[in-house]
Amino acid sequence: MANIEFEGLFDIQEVLDQLQIGYATLYRWIKKAGISPVKIAGRNYLTQSDIERLKSERASQNVGETQGIGASHSS
């Protein structure tokens, strides 16, 4: 099967490579960010703006972790 490229769309493997994360993490982030992947011929694609949104979510999540926000503490 030929690998068809769509202008401005990135297949899931390209997104995983860009973000350097795993498949389950990507789909968890997509759900949390409310992103709907573009489905073409049964394959999912994300736009560059979707990827930037995920990067932004990741940055805000990392800030929260370093500041102790959202961490559970037991006394």
N, C-alpha and C. Protein backbone atom coordinates (compact mmCIF):
# COMPACT_ATOMS: atom_id res chain seq x y z
N MET A 1 0.85 -1.19 0.00
CA MET A 1 0.00 0.00 0.00
C MET A 1 0.89 1.25 0.00
N ALA A 2 0.56 2.19 -0.84
CA ALA A 2 1.36 3.41 -0.95
C ALA A 2 1.10 4.32 0.24
N ASN A 3 2.16 4.98 0.69
CA ASN A 3 2.04 5.95 1.78
C ASN A 3 1.65 7.29 1.16
N ILE A 4 0.41 7.70 1.38
CA ILE A 4 -0.10 8.94 0.81
C ILE A 4 0.17 10.07 1.79
N GLU A 5 0.73 11.17 1.28
CA GLU A 5 0.99 12.32 2.14
C GLU A 5 -0.08 13.38 1.90
N PHE A 6 -0.58 13.96 2.97
CA PHE A 6 -1.57 15.01 2.89
C PHE A 6 -0.95 16.28 3.44
N GLU A 7 -1.02 17.34 2.66
CA GLU A 7 -0.46 18.62 3.05
C GLU A 7 -1.03 19.09 4.38
N GLY A 8 -0.16 19.36 5.34
CA GLY A 8 -0.58 19.89 6.62
C GLY A 8 -1.10 18.87 7.61
N LEU A 9 -1.11 17.61 7.23
CA LEU A 9 -1.56 16.55 8.13
C LEU A 9 -0.41 15.62 8.45
N PHE A 10 -0.38 15.15 9.68
CA PHE A 10 0.69 14.26 10.13
C PHE A 10 0.06 12.98 10.65
N ASP A 11 0.59 11.83 10.17
CA ASP A 11 0.04 10.57 10.67
C ASP A 11 0.51 10.36 12.10
N ILE A 12 -0.10 9.41 12.77
CA ILE A 12 0.14 9.19 14.19
C ILE A 12 1.61 8.91 14.48
N GLN A 13 2.26 8.11 13.63
CA GLN A 13 3.67 7.80 13.87
C GLN A 13 4.54 9.06 13.81
N GLU A 14 4.24 9.96 12.87
CA GLU A 14 4.98 11.22 12.79
C GLU A 14 4.78 12.06 14.05
N VAL A 15 3.56 12.07 14.56
CA VAL A 15 3.26 12.83 15.78
C VAL A 15 4.01 12.22 16.97
N LEU A 16 3.99 10.89 17.07
CA LEU A 16 4.72 10.22 18.15
C LEU A 16 6.20 10.57 18.10
N ASP A 17 6.77 10.57 16.89
CA ASP A 17 8.19 10.91 16.73
C ASP A 17 8.47 12.36 17.13
N GLN A 18 7.58 13.27 16.71
CA GLN A 18 7.76 14.70 17.03
C GLN A 18 7.71 14.95 18.54
N LEU A 19 6.73 14.33 19.19
CA LEU A 19 6.52 14.58 20.61
C LEU A 19 7.35 13.67 21.50
N GLN A 20 7.92 12.64 20.91
CA GLN A 20 8.73 11.65 21.64
C GLN A 20 7.95 11.06 22.81
N ILE A 21 6.75 10.57 22.49
CA ILE A 21 5.89 9.93 23.47
C ILE A 21 5.37 8.62 22.89
N GLY A 22 4.68 7.85 23.70
CA GLY A 22 4.10 6.60 23.26
C GLY A 22 2.67 6.78 22.79
N TYR A 23 2.17 5.73 22.15
CA TYR A 23 0.83 5.72 21.58
C TYR A 23 -0.25 6.01 22.63
N ALA A 24 -0.22 5.31 23.76
CA ALA A 24 -1.24 5.50 24.80
C ALA A 24 -1.21 6.93 25.34
N THR A 25 -0.03 7.48 25.53
CA THR A 25 0.10 8.86 26.02
C THR A 25 -0.52 9.83 25.02
N LEU A 26 -0.23 9.63 23.73
CA LEU A 26 -0.78 10.52 22.71
C LEU A 26 -2.30 10.52 22.76
N TYR A 27 -2.90 9.35 22.80
CA TYR A 27 -4.36 9.30 22.80
C TYR A 27 -4.96 9.84 24.10
N ARG A 28 -4.25 9.70 25.20
CA ARG A 28 -4.71 10.30 26.46
C ARG A 28 -4.69 11.82 26.34
N TRP A 29 -3.61 12.37 25.77
CA TRP A 29 -3.51 13.83 25.59
C TRP A 29 -4.56 14.34 24.61
N ILE A 30 -4.81 13.57 23.52
CA ILE A 30 -5.81 13.98 22.53
C ILE A 30 -7.17 14.08 23.20
N LYS A 31 -7.51 13.09 24.02
CA LYS A 31 -8.80 13.10 24.72
C LYS A 31 -8.88 14.27 25.68
N LYS A 32 -7.82 14.49 26.46
CA LYS A 32 -7.80 15.57 27.44
C LYS A 32 -7.92 16.94 26.77
N ALA A 33 -7.27 17.12 25.61
CA ALA A 33 -7.30 18.40 24.90
C ALA A 33 -8.55 18.57 24.05
N GLY A 34 -9.36 17.52 23.92
CA GLY A 34 -10.58 17.61 23.12
C GLY A 34 -10.32 17.72 21.63
N ILE A 35 -9.25 17.10 21.17
CA ILE A 35 -8.88 17.15 19.76
C ILE A 35 -9.54 15.97 19.04
N SER A 36 -10.08 16.24 17.85
CA SER A 36 -10.64 15.18 17.01
C SER A 36 -9.72 14.96 15.82
N PRO A 37 -9.02 13.82 15.78
CA PRO A 37 -8.14 13.56 14.64
C PRO A 37 -8.93 13.51 13.33
N VAL A 38 -8.27 13.87 12.25
CA VAL A 38 -8.86 13.76 10.92
C VAL A 38 -8.70 12.31 10.48
N LYS A 39 -9.79 11.70 10.05
CA LYS A 39 -9.75 10.30 9.64
C LYS A 39 -9.87 10.24 8.12
N ILE A 40 -8.85 9.65 7.48
CA ILE A 40 -8.84 9.49 6.03
C ILE A 40 -8.47 8.04 5.74
N ALA A 41 -9.32 7.38 5.00
CA ALA A 41 -9.09 5.98 4.61
C ALA A 41 -8.76 5.11 5.82
N GLY A 42 -9.48 5.35 6.93
CA GLY A 42 -9.30 4.54 8.13
C GLY A 42 -8.07 4.86 8.96
N ARG A 43 -7.32 5.89 8.60
CA ARG A 43 -6.13 6.28 9.37
C ARG A 43 -6.35 7.64 10.00
N ASN A 44 -5.78 7.85 11.17
CA ASN A 44 -5.92 9.12 11.89
C ASN A 44 -4.74 10.04 11.61
N TYR A 45 -5.05 11.32 11.46
CA TYR A 45 -4.05 12.35 11.22
C TYR A 45 -4.33 13.54 12.13
N LEU A 46 -3.27 14.26 12.47
CA LEU A 46 -3.41 15.50 13.23
C LEU A 46 -2.84 16.65 12.41
N THR A 47 -3.38 17.84 12.63
CA THR A 47 -2.85 19.03 11.97
C THR A 47 -1.69 19.59 12.80
N GLN A 48 -0.93 20.49 12.21
CA GLN A 48 0.17 21.12 12.94
C GLN A 48 -0.37 21.89 14.13
N SER A 49 -1.53 22.53 13.98
CA SER A 49 -2.09 23.28 15.12
C SER A 49 -2.50 22.33 16.25
N ASP A 50 -2.98 21.11 15.90
CA ASP A 50 -3.27 20.12 16.93
C ASP A 50 -2.00 19.74 17.69
N ILE A 51 -0.92 19.55 16.95
CA ILE A 51 0.35 19.17 17.56
C ILE A 51 0.85 20.28 18.47
N GLU A 52 0.74 21.53 18.02
CA GLU A 52 1.14 22.67 18.86
C GLU A 52 0.30 22.73 20.13
N ARG A 53 -0.98 22.43 20.01
CA ARG A 53 -1.86 22.41 21.18
C ARG A 53 -1.43 21.34 22.17
N LEU A 54 -1.04 20.17 21.66
CA LEU A 54 -0.57 19.10 22.53
C LEU A 54 0.75 19.48 23.20
N LYS A 55 1.62 20.15 22.46
CA LYS A 55 2.88 20.62 23.06
C LYS A 55 2.60 21.61 24.18
N SER A 56 1.62 22.48 23.96
CA SER A 56 1.25 23.47 24.97
C SER A 56 0.68 22.78 26.21
N GLU A 57 -0.17 21.79 25.99
CA GLU A 57 -0.73 21.01 27.11
C GLU A 57 0.39 20.35 27.90
N ARG A 58 1.35 19.80 27.17
CA ARG A 58 2.49 19.13 27.82
C ARG A 58 3.29 20.11 28.64
N ALA A 59 3.53 21.30 28.10
CA ALA A 59 4.31 22.31 28.82
C ALA A 59 3.59 22.74 30.09
N SER A 60 2.28 22.94 30.01
CA SER A 60 1.54 23.36 31.20
C SER A 60 1.47 22.22 32.21
N GLN A 61 1.42 20.99 31.75
CA GLN A 61 1.42 19.84 32.64
C GLN A 61 2.77 19.74 33.36
N ASN A 62 3.86 19.94 32.63
CA ASN A 62 5.19 19.88 33.23
C ASN A 62 5.39 20.98 34.27
N VAL A 63 4.86 22.16 34.01
CA VAL A 63 4.96 23.26 34.97
C VAL A 63 4.23 22.87 36.25
N GLY A 64 3.04 22.32 36.12
CA GLY A 64 2.26 21.90 37.28
C GLY A 64 2.99 20.85 38.10
N GLU A 65 3.65 19.92 37.43
CA GLU A 65 4.38 18.86 38.13
C GLU A 65 5.57 19.44 38.89
N THR A 66 6.29 20.38 38.29
CA THR A 66 7.47 20.92 38.96
C THR A 66 7.09 21.82 40.11
N GLN A 67 5.88 22.39 40.08
CA GLN A 67 5.44 23.26 41.16
C GLN A 67 4.61 22.50 42.20
N GLY A 68 4.46 21.19 41.98
CA GLY A 68 3.72 20.38 42.93
C GLY A 68 2.22 20.48 42.80
N ILE A 69 1.75 21.09 41.71
CA ILE A 69 0.31 21.22 41.49
C ILE A 69 -0.23 19.87 41.03
N GLY A 70 -1.31 19.47 41.66
CA GLY A 70 -1.96 18.23 41.26
C GLY A 70 -1.33 17.00 41.87
N ALA A 71 -0.27 17.14 42.59
CA ALA A 71 0.37 15.98 43.22
C ALA A 71 -0.38 15.63 44.48
N SER A 72 -0.51 14.34 44.72
CA SER A 72 -1.20 13.95 45.95
C SER A 72 -0.17 13.79 47.06
N HIS A 73 -0.50 14.32 48.19
CA HIS A 73 0.38 14.26 49.35
C HIS A 73 -0.35 13.57 50.49
N SER A 74 0.31 12.68 51.16
CA SER A 74 -0.31 12.07 52.33
C SER A 74 0.46 12.49 53.57
N SER A 75 -0.28 12.81 54.60
CA SER A 75 0.34 13.27 55.84
C SER A 75 0.33 12.19 56.89
